[in-house]
mmCIF file of all heavy atoms, coordinates in Angstrom:
data_MODEL
# 
_entry.id   MODEL 
# 
loop_
_atom_site.group_PDB 
_atom_site.id 
_atom_site.type_symbol 
_atom_site.label_atom_id 
_atom_site.label_alt_id 
_atom_site.label_comp_id 
_atom_site.label_asym_id 
_atom_site.label_entity_id 
_atom_site.label_seq_id 
_atom_site.pdbx_PDB_ins_code 
_atom_site.Cartn_x 
_atom_site.Cartn_y 
_atom_site.Cartn_z 
_atom_site.occupancy 
_atom_site.B_iso_or_equiv 
_atom_site.pdbx_formal_charge 
_atom_site.auth_seq_id 
_atom_site.auth_comp_id 
_atom_site.auth_asym_id 
_atom_site.auth_atom_id 
_atom_site.pdbx_PDB_model_num 
ATOM 1   N N   . GLU A 1 1  ? 92.489  41.685 -0.966 1.00 0.00 ? 1  GLU A N   1 
ATOM 2   C CA  . GLU A 1 1  ? 91.257  42.171 -0.333 1.00 0.00 ? 1  GLU A CA  1 
ATOM 3   C C   . GLU A 1 1  ? 91.353  41.993 1.299  1.00 0.00 ? 1  GLU A C   1 
ATOM 4   O O   . GLU A 1 1  ? 90.436  41.784 1.981  1.00 0.00 ? 1  GLU A O   1 
ATOM 5   C CB  . GLU A 1 1  ? 90.182  41.394 -0.767 1.00 0.00 ? 1  GLU A CB  1 
ATOM 6   C CG  . GLU A 1 1  ? 89.729  41.508 -2.275 1.00 0.00 ? 1  GLU A CG  1 
ATOM 7   C CD  . GLU A 1 1  ? 88.703  40.700 -2.791 1.00 0.00 ? 1  GLU A CD  1 
ATOM 8   O OE1 . GLU A 1 1  ? 88.308  39.810 -2.068 1.00 0.00 ? 1  GLU A OE1 1 
ATOM 9   O OE2 . GLU A 1 1  ? 88.198  40.877 -3.942 1.00 0.00 ? 1  GLU A OE2 1 
ATOM 10  N N   . GLY A 1 2  ? 92.580  42.424 1.783  1.00 0.00 ? 2  GLY A N   1 
ATOM 11  C CA  . GLY A 1 2  ? 92.770  42.440 3.164  1.00 0.00 ? 2  GLY A CA  1 
ATOM 12  C C   . GLY A 1 2  ? 93.181  41.212 3.800  1.00 0.00 ? 2  GLY A C   1 
ATOM 13  O O   . GLY A 1 2  ? 93.385  41.053 5.084  1.00 0.00 ? 2  GLY A O   1 
ATOM 14  N N   . ASN A 1 3  ? 93.375  40.060 3.012  1.00 0.00 ? 3  ASN A N   1 
ATOM 15  C CA  . ASN A 1 3  ? 93.889  38.737 3.567  1.00 0.00 ? 3  ASN A CA  1 
ATOM 16  C C   . ASN A 1 3  ? 95.255  38.812 3.910  1.00 0.00 ? 3  ASN A C   1 
ATOM 17  O O   . ASN A 1 3  ? 95.831  37.641 4.427  1.00 0.00 ? 3  ASN A O   1 
ATOM 18  C CB  . ASN A 1 3  ? 93.490  37.699 2.528  1.00 0.00 ? 3  ASN A CB  1 
ATOM 19  C CG  . ASN A 1 3  ? 91.935  37.449 2.477  1.00 0.00 ? 3  ASN A CG  1 
ATOM 20  O OD1 . ASN A 1 3  ? 91.179  37.729 3.472  1.00 0.00 ? 3  ASN A OD1 1 
ATOM 21  N ND2 . ASN A 1 3  ? 91.568  37.160 1.284  1.00 0.00 ? 3  ASN A ND2 1 
ATOM 22  N N   . GLY A 1 4  ? 96.049  39.769 3.564  1.00 0.00 ? 4  GLY A N   1 
ATOM 23  C CA  . GLY A 1 4  ? 97.506  39.766 3.840  1.00 0.00 ? 4  GLY A CA  1 
ATOM 24  C C   . GLY A 1 4  ? 98.074  41.060 3.633  1.00 0.00 ? 4  GLY A C   1 
ATOM 25  O O   . GLY A 1 4  ? 97.442  42.038 3.244  1.00 0.00 ? 4  GLY A O   1 
ATOM 26  N N   . TRP A 1 5  ? 99.257  41.273 4.034  1.00 0.00 ? 5  TRP A N   1 
ATOM 27  C CA  . TRP A 1 5  ? 100.029 42.555 3.933  1.00 0.00 ? 5  TRP A CA  1 
ATOM 28  C C   . TRP A 1 5  ? 101.352 42.245 3.352  1.00 0.00 ? 5  TRP A C   1 
ATOM 29  O O   . TRP A 1 5  ? 102.115 41.276 3.498  1.00 0.00 ? 5  TRP A O   1 
ATOM 30  C CB  . TRP A 1 5  ? 100.224 43.235 5.367  1.00 0.00 ? 5  TRP A CB  1 
ATOM 31  C CG  . TRP A 1 5  ? 98.983  43.612 6.102  1.00 0.00 ? 5  TRP A CG  1 
ATOM 32  C CD1 . TRP A 1 5  ? 98.241  44.690 5.993  1.00 0.00 ? 5  TRP A CD1 1 
ATOM 33  C CD2 . TRP A 1 5  ? 98.252  42.757 7.058  1.00 0.00 ? 5  TRP A CD2 1 
ATOM 34  N NE1 . TRP A 1 5  ? 97.107  44.692 6.740  1.00 0.00 ? 5  TRP A NE1 1 
ATOM 35  C CE2 . TRP A 1 5  ? 97.186  43.533 7.426  1.00 0.00 ? 5  TRP A CE2 1 
ATOM 36  C CE3 . TRP A 1 5  ? 98.567  41.572 7.620  1.00 0.00 ? 5  TRP A CE3 1 
ATOM 37  C CZ2 . TRP A 1 5  ? 96.277  43.097 8.364  1.00 0.00 ? 5  TRP A CZ2 1 
ATOM 38  C CZ3 . TRP A 1 5  ? 97.608  41.093 8.576  1.00 0.00 ? 5  TRP A CZ3 1 
ATOM 39  C CH2 . TRP A 1 5  ? 96.477  41.760 8.945  1.00 0.00 ? 5  TRP A CH2 1 
ATOM 40  N N   . ALA A 1 6  ? 101.788 43.312 2.383  1.00 0.00 ? 6  ALA A N   1 
ATOM 41  C CA  . ALA A 1 6  ? 102.978 43.273 1.714  1.00 0.00 ? 6  ALA A CA  1 
ATOM 42  C C   . ALA A 1 6  ? 103.805 44.474 1.960  1.00 0.00 ? 6  ALA A C   1 
ATOM 43  O O   . ALA A 1 6  ? 103.316 45.539 1.902  1.00 0.00 ? 6  ALA A O   1 
ATOM 44  C CB  . ALA A 1 6  ? 102.717 43.007 0.164  1.00 0.00 ? 6  ALA A CB  1 
ATOM 45  N N   . TYR A 1 7  ? 105.090 44.212 2.160  1.00 0.00 ? 7  TYR A N   1 
ATOM 46  C CA  . TYR A 1 7  ? 106.058 45.264 2.396  1.00 0.00 ? 7  TYR A CA  1 
ATOM 47  C C   . TYR A 1 7  ? 107.242 45.229 1.457  1.00 0.00 ? 7  TYR A C   1 
ATOM 48  O O   . TYR A 1 7  ? 107.672 44.152 1.186  1.00 0.00 ? 7  TYR A O   1 
ATOM 49  C CB  . TYR A 1 7  ? 106.713 45.403 3.849  1.00 0.00 ? 7  TYR A CB  1 
ATOM 50  C CG  . TYR A 1 7  ? 105.516 45.612 4.936  1.00 0.00 ? 7  TYR A CG  1 
ATOM 51  C CD1 . TYR A 1 7  ? 104.792 44.435 5.410  1.00 0.00 ? 7  TYR A CD1 1 
ATOM 52  C CD2 . TYR A 1 7  ? 105.151 46.808 5.329  1.00 0.00 ? 7  TYR A CD2 1 
ATOM 53  C CE1 . TYR A 1 7  ? 103.869 44.492 6.352  1.00 0.00 ? 7  TYR A CE1 1 
ATOM 54  C CE2 . TYR A 1 7  ? 104.206 46.871 6.439  1.00 0.00 ? 7  TYR A CE2 1 
ATOM 55  C CZ  . TYR A 1 7  ? 103.550 45.848 6.842  1.00 0.00 ? 7  TYR A CZ  1 
ATOM 56  O OH  . TYR A 1 7  ? 102.637 45.983 7.902  1.00 0.00 ? 7  TYR A OH  1 
ATOM 57  N N   . ALA A 1 8  ? 107.778 46.448 1.106  1.00 0.00 ? 8  ALA A N   1 
ATOM 58  C CA  . ALA A 1 8  ? 109.084 46.400 0.330  1.00 0.00 ? 8  ALA A CA  1 
ATOM 59  C C   . ALA A 1 8  ? 109.640 47.694 0.382  1.00 0.00 ? 8  ALA A C   1 
ATOM 60  O O   . ALA A 1 8  ? 108.967 48.767 0.801  1.00 0.00 ? 8  ALA A O   1 
ATOM 61  C CB  . ALA A 1 8  ? 108.688 45.997 -1.098 1.00 0.00 ? 8  ALA A CB  1 
ATOM 62  N N   . ASP A 1 9  ? 111.021 47.862 0.068  1.00 0.00 ? 9  ASP A N   1 
ATOM 63  C CA  . ASP A 1 9  ? 111.472 49.221 -0.110 1.00 0.00 ? 9  ASP A CA  1 
ATOM 64  C C   . ASP A 1 9  ? 112.201 49.359 -1.514 1.00 0.00 ? 9  ASP A C   1 
ATOM 65  O O   . ASP A 1 9  ? 112.722 50.388 -1.820 1.00 0.00 ? 9  ASP A O   1 
ATOM 66  C CB  . ASP A 1 9  ? 112.738 49.346 0.931  1.00 0.00 ? 9  ASP A CB  1 
ATOM 67  C CG  . ASP A 1 9  ? 113.704 48.263 0.852  1.00 0.00 ? 9  ASP A CG  1 
ATOM 68  O OD1 . ASP A 1 9  ? 113.599 47.361 0.019  1.00 0.00 ? 9  ASP A OD1 1 
ATOM 69  O OD2 . ASP A 1 9  ? 114.567 48.302 1.768  1.00 0.00 ? 9  ASP A OD2 1 
ATOM 70  N N   . PHE A 1 10 ? 112.191 48.229 -2.328 1.00 0.00 ? 10 PHE A N   1 
ATOM 71  C CA  . PHE A 1 10 ? 112.676 48.352 -3.677 1.00 0.00 ? 10 PHE A CA  1 
ATOM 72  C C   . PHE A 1 10 ? 113.976 48.862 -3.693 1.00 0.00 ? 10 PHE A C   1 
ATOM 73  O O   . PHE A 1 10 ? 114.482 49.587 -4.659 1.00 0.00 ? 10 PHE A O   1 
ATOM 74  C CB  . PHE A 1 10 ? 111.782 49.227 -4.611 1.00 0.00 ? 10 PHE A CB  1 
ATOM 75  C CG  . PHE A 1 10 ? 110.420 48.517 -4.814 1.00 0.00 ? 10 PHE A CG  1 
ATOM 76  C CD1 . PHE A 1 10 ? 109.259 48.976 -3.962 1.00 0.00 ? 10 PHE A CD1 1 
ATOM 77  C CD2 . PHE A 1 10 ? 110.241 47.423 -5.705 1.00 0.00 ? 10 PHE A CD2 1 
ATOM 78  C CE1 . PHE A 1 10 ? 108.044 48.404 -4.248 1.00 0.00 ? 10 PHE A CE1 1 
ATOM 79  C CE2 . PHE A 1 10 ? 109.006 46.903 -5.884 1.00 0.00 ? 10 PHE A CE2 1 
ATOM 80  C CZ  . PHE A 1 10 ? 108.005 47.336 -5.090 1.00 0.00 ? 10 PHE A CZ  1 
ATOM 81  N N   . ARG A 1 11 ? 114.911 48.520 -2.765 1.00 0.00 ? 11 ARG A N   1 
ATOM 82  C CA  . ARG A 1 11 ? 116.356 48.810 -2.718 1.00 0.00 ? 11 ARG A CA  1 
ATOM 83  C C   . ARG A 1 11 ? 117.137 47.537 -2.885 1.00 0.00 ? 11 ARG A C   1 
ATOM 84  O O   . ARG A 1 11 ? 116.759 46.607 -2.364 1.00 0.00 ? 11 ARG A O   1 
ATOM 85  C CB  . ARG A 1 11 ? 116.783 49.563 -1.497 1.00 0.00 ? 11 ARG A CB  1 
ATOM 86  C CG  . ARG A 1 11 ? 116.090 50.956 -1.317 1.00 0.00 ? 11 ARG A CG  1 
ATOM 87  C CD  . ARG A 1 11 ? 116.637 51.594 -0.125 1.00 0.00 ? 11 ARG A CD  1 
ATOM 88  N NE  . ARG A 1 11 ? 115.962 52.900 0.088  1.00 0.00 ? 11 ARG A NE  1 
ATOM 89  C CZ  . ARG A 1 11 ? 116.408 53.993 -0.432 1.00 0.00 ? 11 ARG A CZ  1 
ATOM 90  N NH1 . ARG A 1 11 ? 117.539 53.939 -1.146 1.00 0.00 ? 11 ARG A NH1 1 
ATOM 91  N NH2 . ARG A 1 11 ? 115.788 55.235 -0.207 1.00 0.00 ? 11 ARG A NH2 1 
ATOM 92  N N   . ILE A 1 12 ? 118.278 47.646 -3.555 1.00 0.00 ? 12 ILE A N   1 
ATOM 93  C CA  . ILE A 1 12 ? 119.223 46.411 -3.635 1.00 0.00 ? 12 ILE A CA  1 
ATOM 94  C C   . ILE A 1 12 ? 120.050 46.518 -2.421 1.00 0.00 ? 12 ILE A C   1 
ATOM 95  O O   . ILE A 1 12 ? 120.940 47.464 -2.263 1.00 0.00 ? 12 ILE A O   1 
ATOM 96  C CB  . ILE A 1 12 ? 120.007 46.405 -5.027 1.00 0.00 ? 12 ILE A CB  1 
ATOM 97  C CG1 . ILE A 1 12 ? 119.112 46.418 -6.103 1.00 0.00 ? 12 ILE A CG1 1 
ATOM 98  C CG2 . ILE A 1 12 ? 120.921 45.291 -5.034 1.00 0.00 ? 12 ILE A CG2 1 
ATOM 99  C CD1 . ILE A 1 12 ? 119.850 46.537 -7.535 1.00 0.00 ? 12 ILE A CD1 1 
ATOM 100 N N   . ARG A 1 13 ? 119.882 45.598 -1.519 1.00 0.00 ? 13 ARG A N   1 
ATOM 101 C CA  . ARG A 1 13 ? 120.716 45.590 -0.340 1.00 0.00 ? 13 ARG A CA  1 
ATOM 102 C C   . ARG A 1 13 ? 122.134 45.026 -0.543 1.00 0.00 ? 13 ARG A C   1 
ATOM 103 O O   . ARG A 1 13 ? 122.566 44.549 -1.610 1.00 0.00 ? 13 ARG A O   1 
ATOM 104 C CB  . ARG A 1 13 ? 120.026 44.881 0.826  1.00 0.00 ? 13 ARG A CB  1 
ATOM 105 C CG  . ARG A 1 13 ? 118.592 45.375 0.953  1.00 0.00 ? 13 ARG A CG  1 
ATOM 106 C CD  . ARG A 1 13 ? 117.879 44.835 2.226  1.00 0.00 ? 13 ARG A CD  1 
ATOM 107 N NE  . ARG A 1 13 ? 116.625 45.323 2.550  1.00 0.00 ? 13 ARG A NE  1 
ATOM 108 C CZ  . ARG A 1 13 ? 115.849 44.876 3.479  1.00 0.00 ? 13 ARG A CZ  1 
ATOM 109 N NH1 . ARG A 1 13 ? 116.296 43.937 4.305  1.00 0.00 ? 13 ARG A NH1 1 
ATOM 110 N NH2 . ARG A 1 13 ? 114.580 45.399 3.593  1.00 0.00 ? 13 ARG A NH2 1 
ATOM 111 N N   . GLU A 1 14 ? 122.936 45.023 0.562  1.00 0.00 ? 14 GLU A N   1 
ATOM 112 C CA  . GLU A 1 14 ? 124.243 44.556 0.434  1.00 0.00 ? 14 GLU A CA  1 
ATOM 113 C C   . GLU A 1 14 ? 124.388 43.166 0.000  1.00 0.00 ? 14 GLU A C   1 
ATOM 114 O O   . GLU A 1 14 ? 125.421 42.748 -0.588 1.00 0.00 ? 14 GLU A O   1 
ATOM 115 C CB  . GLU A 1 14 ? 124.986 44.728 1.914  1.00 0.00 ? 14 GLU A CB  1 
ATOM 116 C CG  . GLU A 1 14 ? 125.124 46.221 2.247  1.00 0.00 ? 14 GLU A CG  1 
ATOM 117 C CD  . GLU A 1 14 ? 125.930 46.260 3.590  1.00 0.00 ? 14 GLU A CD  1 
ATOM 118 O OE1 . GLU A 1 14 ? 126.171 45.248 4.125  1.00 0.00 ? 14 GLU A OE1 1 
ATOM 119 O OE2 . GLU A 1 14 ? 126.068 47.354 4.017  1.00 0.00 ? 14 GLU A OE2 1 
ATOM 120 N N   . ASP A 1 15 ? 123.295 42.296 0.346  1.00 0.00 ? 15 ASP A N   1 
ATOM 121 C CA  . ASP A 1 15 ? 123.382 40.847 -0.195 1.00 0.00 ? 15 ASP A CA  1 
ATOM 122 C C   . ASP A 1 15 ? 123.093 40.710 -1.633 1.00 0.00 ? 15 ASP A C   1 
ATOM 123 O O   . ASP A 1 15 ? 123.144 39.552 -2.262 1.00 0.00 ? 15 ASP A O   1 
ATOM 124 C CB  . ASP A 1 15 ? 122.600 39.933 0.683  1.00 0.00 ? 15 ASP A CB  1 
ATOM 125 C CG  . ASP A 1 15 ? 121.002 40.559 0.555  1.00 0.00 ? 15 ASP A CG  1 
ATOM 126 O OD1 . ASP A 1 15 ? 120.733 41.459 -0.172 1.00 0.00 ? 15 ASP A OD1 1 
ATOM 127 O OD2 . ASP A 1 15 ? 120.173 39.927 1.302  1.00 0.00 ? 15 ASP A OD2 1 
ATOM 128 N N   . GLY A 1 16 ? 122.703 41.833 -2.348 1.00 0.00 ? 16 GLY A N   1 
ATOM 129 C CA  . GLY A 1 16 ? 122.553 41.885 -3.726 1.00 0.00 ? 16 GLY A CA  1 
ATOM 130 C C   . GLY A 1 16 ? 121.005 41.557 -4.073 1.00 0.00 ? 16 GLY A C   1 
ATOM 131 O O   . GLY A 1 16 ? 120.661 41.382 -5.314 1.00 0.00 ? 16 GLY A O   1 
ATOM 132 N N   . PHE A 1 17 ? 120.215 41.482 -3.064 1.00 0.00 ? 17 PHE A N   1 
ATOM 133 C CA  . PHE A 1 17 ? 118.688 41.091 -3.326 1.00 0.00 ? 17 PHE A CA  1 
ATOM 134 C C   . PHE A 1 17 ? 117.867 42.323 -3.007 1.00 0.00 ? 17 PHE A C   1 
ATOM 135 O O   . PHE A 1 17 ? 118.183 43.103 -2.080 1.00 0.00 ? 17 PHE A O   1 
ATOM 136 C CB  . PHE A 1 17 ? 118.291 39.874 -2.523 1.00 0.00 ? 17 PHE A CB  1 
ATOM 137 C CG  . PHE A 1 17 ? 118.866 38.685 -3.058 1.00 0.00 ? 17 PHE A CG  1 
ATOM 138 C CD1 . PHE A 1 17 ? 120.244 38.314 -2.581 1.00 0.00 ? 17 PHE A CD1 1 
ATOM 139 C CD2 . PHE A 1 17 ? 118.280 37.820 -4.008 1.00 0.00 ? 17 PHE A CD2 1 
ATOM 140 C CE1 . PHE A 1 17 ? 120.745 37.233 -3.114 1.00 0.00 ? 17 PHE A CE1 1 
ATOM 141 C CE2 . PHE A 1 17 ? 118.874 36.738 -4.375 1.00 0.00 ? 17 PHE A CE2 1 
ATOM 142 C CZ  . PHE A 1 17 ? 120.012 36.373 -4.099 1.00 0.00 ? 17 PHE A CZ  1 
ATOM 143 N N   . THR A 1 18 ? 116.661 42.508 -3.586 1.00 0.00 ? 18 THR A N   1 
ATOM 144 C CA  . THR A 1 18 ? 115.583 43.284 -3.300 1.00 0.00 ? 18 THR A CA  1 
ATOM 145 C C   . THR A 1 18 ? 114.609 42.530 -2.371 1.00 0.00 ? 18 THR A C   1 
ATOM 146 O O   . THR A 1 18 ? 114.263 41.414 -2.735 1.00 0.00 ? 18 THR A O   1 
ATOM 147 C CB  . THR A 1 18 ? 114.744 43.845 -4.510 1.00 0.00 ? 18 THR A CB  1 
ATOM 148 O OG1 . THR A 1 18 ? 115.667 44.469 -5.297 1.00 0.00 ? 18 THR A OG1 1 
ATOM 149 C CG2 . THR A 1 18 ? 113.654 44.758 -4.076 1.00 0.00 ? 18 THR A CG2 1 
ATOM 150 N N   . HIS A 1 19 ? 114.264 43.028 -1.163 1.00 0.00 ? 19 HIS A N   1 
ATOM 151 C CA  . HIS A 1 19 ? 113.557 42.189 -0.323 1.00 0.00 ? 19 HIS A CA  1 
ATOM 152 C C   . HIS A 1 19 ? 112.043 42.570 -0.109 1.00 0.00 ? 19 HIS A C   1 
ATOM 153 O O   . HIS A 1 19 ? 111.749 43.851 -0.215 1.00 0.00 ? 19 HIS A O   1 
ATOM 154 C CB  . HIS A 1 19 ? 114.163 42.196 1.191  1.00 0.00 ? 19 HIS A CB  1 
ATOM 155 C CG  . HIS A 1 19 ? 115.481 41.576 1.232  1.00 0.00 ? 19 HIS A CG  1 
ATOM 156 N ND1 . HIS A 1 19 ? 115.665 40.371 1.914  1.00 0.00 ? 19 HIS A ND1 1 
ATOM 157 C CD2 . HIS A 1 19 ? 116.776 41.738 0.754  1.00 0.00 ? 19 HIS A CD2 1 
ATOM 158 C CE1 . HIS A 1 19 ? 116.832 39.873 1.732  1.00 0.00 ? 19 HIS A CE1 1 
ATOM 159 N NE2 . HIS A 1 19 ? 117.548 40.723 1.135  1.00 0.00 ? 19 HIS A NE2 1 
ATOM 160 N N   . PHE A 1 20 ? 111.244 41.531 0.022  1.00 0.00 ? 20 PHE A N   1 
ATOM 161 C CA  . PHE A 1 20 ? 109.837 41.752 0.184  1.00 0.00 ? 20 PHE A CA  1 
ATOM 162 C C   . PHE A 1 20 ? 109.481 41.002 1.463  1.00 0.00 ? 20 PHE A C   1 
ATOM 163 O O   . PHE A 1 20 ? 109.938 39.989 1.860  1.00 0.00 ? 20 PHE A O   1 
ATOM 164 C CB  . PHE A 1 20 ? 108.958 41.196 -0.844 1.00 0.00 ? 20 PHE A CB  1 
ATOM 165 C CG  . PHE A 1 20 ? 109.165 41.969 -2.228 1.00 0.00 ? 20 PHE A CG  1 
ATOM 166 C CD1 . PHE A 1 20 ? 110.286 41.733 -3.003 1.00 0.00 ? 20 PHE A CD1 1 
ATOM 167 C CD2 . PHE A 1 20 ? 108.378 42.910 -2.639 1.00 0.00 ? 20 PHE A CD2 1 
ATOM 168 C CE1 . PHE A 1 20 ? 110.421 42.360 -4.258 1.00 0.00 ? 20 PHE A CE1 1 
ATOM 169 C CE2 . PHE A 1 20 ? 108.542 43.611 -3.829 1.00 0.00 ? 20 PHE A CE2 1 
ATOM 170 C CZ  . PHE A 1 20 ? 109.564 43.362 -4.682 1.00 0.00 ? 20 PHE A CZ  1 
ATOM 171 N N   . LEU A 1 21 ? 108.409 41.481 2.129  1.00 0.00 ? 21 LEU A N   1 
ATOM 172 C CA  . LEU A 1 21 ? 107.769 40.763 3.261  1.00 0.00 ? 21 LEU A CA  1 
ATOM 173 C C   . LEU A 1 21 ? 106.275 40.601 3.112  1.00 0.00 ? 21 LEU A C   1 
ATOM 174 O O   . LEU A 1 21 ? 105.578 41.658 2.724  1.00 0.00 ? 21 LEU A O   1 
ATOM 175 C CB  . LEU A 1 21 ? 108.121 41.386 4.551  1.00 0.00 ? 21 LEU A CB  1 
ATOM 176 C CG  . LEU A 1 21 ? 107.248 40.810 5.936  1.00 0.00 ? 21 LEU A CG  1 
ATOM 177 C CD1 . LEU A 1 21 ? 107.855 39.418 6.138  1.00 0.00 ? 21 LEU A CD1 1 
ATOM 178 C CD2 . LEU A 1 21 ? 107.489 41.702 7.047  1.00 0.00 ? 21 LEU A CD2 1 
ATOM 179 N N   . VAL A 1 22 ? 105.850 39.427 3.151  1.00 0.00 ? 22 VAL A N   1 
ATOM 180 C CA  . VAL A 1 22 ? 104.330 39.098 3.008  1.00 0.00 ? 22 VAL A CA  1 
ATOM 181 C C   . VAL A 1 22 ? 103.854 38.540 4.260  1.00 0.00 ? 22 VAL A C   1 
ATOM 182 O O   . VAL A 1 22 ? 104.259 37.376 4.603  1.00 0.00 ? 22 VAL A O   1 
ATOM 183 C CB  . VAL A 1 22 ? 104.057 38.322 1.741  1.00 0.00 ? 22 VAL A CB  1 
ATOM 184 C CG1 . VAL A 1 22 ? 102.544 38.031 1.760  1.00 0.00 ? 22 VAL A CG1 1 
ATOM 185 C CG2 . VAL A 1 22 ? 104.431 38.983 0.560  1.00 0.00 ? 22 VAL A CG2 1 
ATOM 186 N N   . LEU A 1 23 ? 102.900 39.144 5.021  1.00 0.00 ? 23 LEU A N   1 
ATOM 187 C CA  . LEU A 1 23 ? 102.335 38.608 6.135  1.00 0.00 ? 23 LEU A CA  1 
ATOM 188 C C   . LEU A 1 23 ? 101.007 37.963 5.786  1.00 0.00 ? 23 LEU A C   1 
ATOM 189 O O   . LEU A 1 23 ? 100.127 38.766 5.284  1.00 0.00 ? 23 LEU A O   1 
ATOM 190 C CB  . LEU A 1 23 ? 102.149 39.632 7.169  1.00 0.00 ? 23 LEU A CB  1 
ATOM 191 C CG  . LEU A 1 23 ? 103.319 40.540 7.731  1.00 0.00 ? 23 LEU A CG  1 
ATOM 192 C CD1 . LEU A 1 23 ? 102.911 41.534 8.717  1.00 0.00 ? 23 LEU A CD1 1 
ATOM 193 C CD2 . LEU A 1 23 ? 104.326 39.413 8.359  1.00 0.00 ? 23 LEU A CD2 1 
ATOM 194 N N   . ASN A 1 24 ? 100.881 36.790 5.927  1.00 0.00 ? 24 ASN A N   1 
ATOM 195 C CA  . ASN A 1 24 ? 99.670  35.952 5.512  1.00 0.00 ? 24 ASN A CA  1 
ATOM 196 C C   . ASN A 1 24 ? 98.774  35.795 6.597  1.00 0.00 ? 24 ASN A C   1 
ATOM 197 O O   . ASN A 1 24 ? 98.978  35.067 7.556  1.00 0.00 ? 24 ASN A O   1 
ATOM 198 C CB  . ASN A 1 24 ? 100.186 34.494 4.939  1.00 0.00 ? 24 ASN A CB  1 
ATOM 199 C CG  . ASN A 1 24 ? 98.911  33.899 4.353  1.00 0.00 ? 24 ASN A CG  1 
ATOM 200 O OD1 . ASN A 1 24 ? 97.878  34.260 4.324  1.00 0.00 ? 24 ASN A OD1 1 
ATOM 201 N ND2 . ASN A 1 24 ? 99.245  32.488 3.884  1.00 0.00 ? 24 ASN A ND2 1 
ATOM 202 N N   . ARG A 1 25 ? 97.643  36.618 6.452  1.00 0.00 ? 25 ARG A N   1 
ATOM 203 C CA  . ARG A 1 25 ? 96.638  36.563 7.652  1.00 0.00 ? 25 ARG A CA  1 
ATOM 204 C C   . ARG A 1 25 ? 95.521  35.488 7.310  1.00 0.00 ? 25 ARG A C   1 
ATOM 205 O O   . ARG A 1 25 ? 95.180  34.677 8.181  1.00 0.00 ? 25 ARG A O   1 
ATOM 206 C CB  . ARG A 1 25 ? 95.955  37.885 7.818  1.00 0.00 ? 25 ARG A CB  1 
ATOM 207 C CG  . ARG A 1 25 ? 94.939  37.920 8.864  1.00 0.00 ? 25 ARG A CG  1 
ATOM 208 C CD  . ARG A 1 25 ? 94.527  39.362 9.210  1.00 0.00 ? 25 ARG A CD  1 
ATOM 209 N NE  . ARG A 1 25 ? 93.617  39.830 8.113  1.00 0.00 ? 25 ARG A NE  1 
ATOM 210 C CZ  . ARG A 1 25 ? 92.364  39.669 8.176  1.00 0.00 ? 25 ARG A CZ  1 
ATOM 211 N NH1 . ARG A 1 25 ? 91.881  39.110 9.099  1.00 0.00 ? 25 ARG A NH1 1 
ATOM 212 N NH2 . ARG A 1 25 ? 91.576  40.133 6.999  1.00 0.00 ? 25 ARG A NH2 1 
# 
């Protein structure tokens, strides 16, 4: 409900992981 923002690209990167970013407001 607007208390944070989440980002992703759903790609497996060179390190073997899928990455997400969550900004906690």
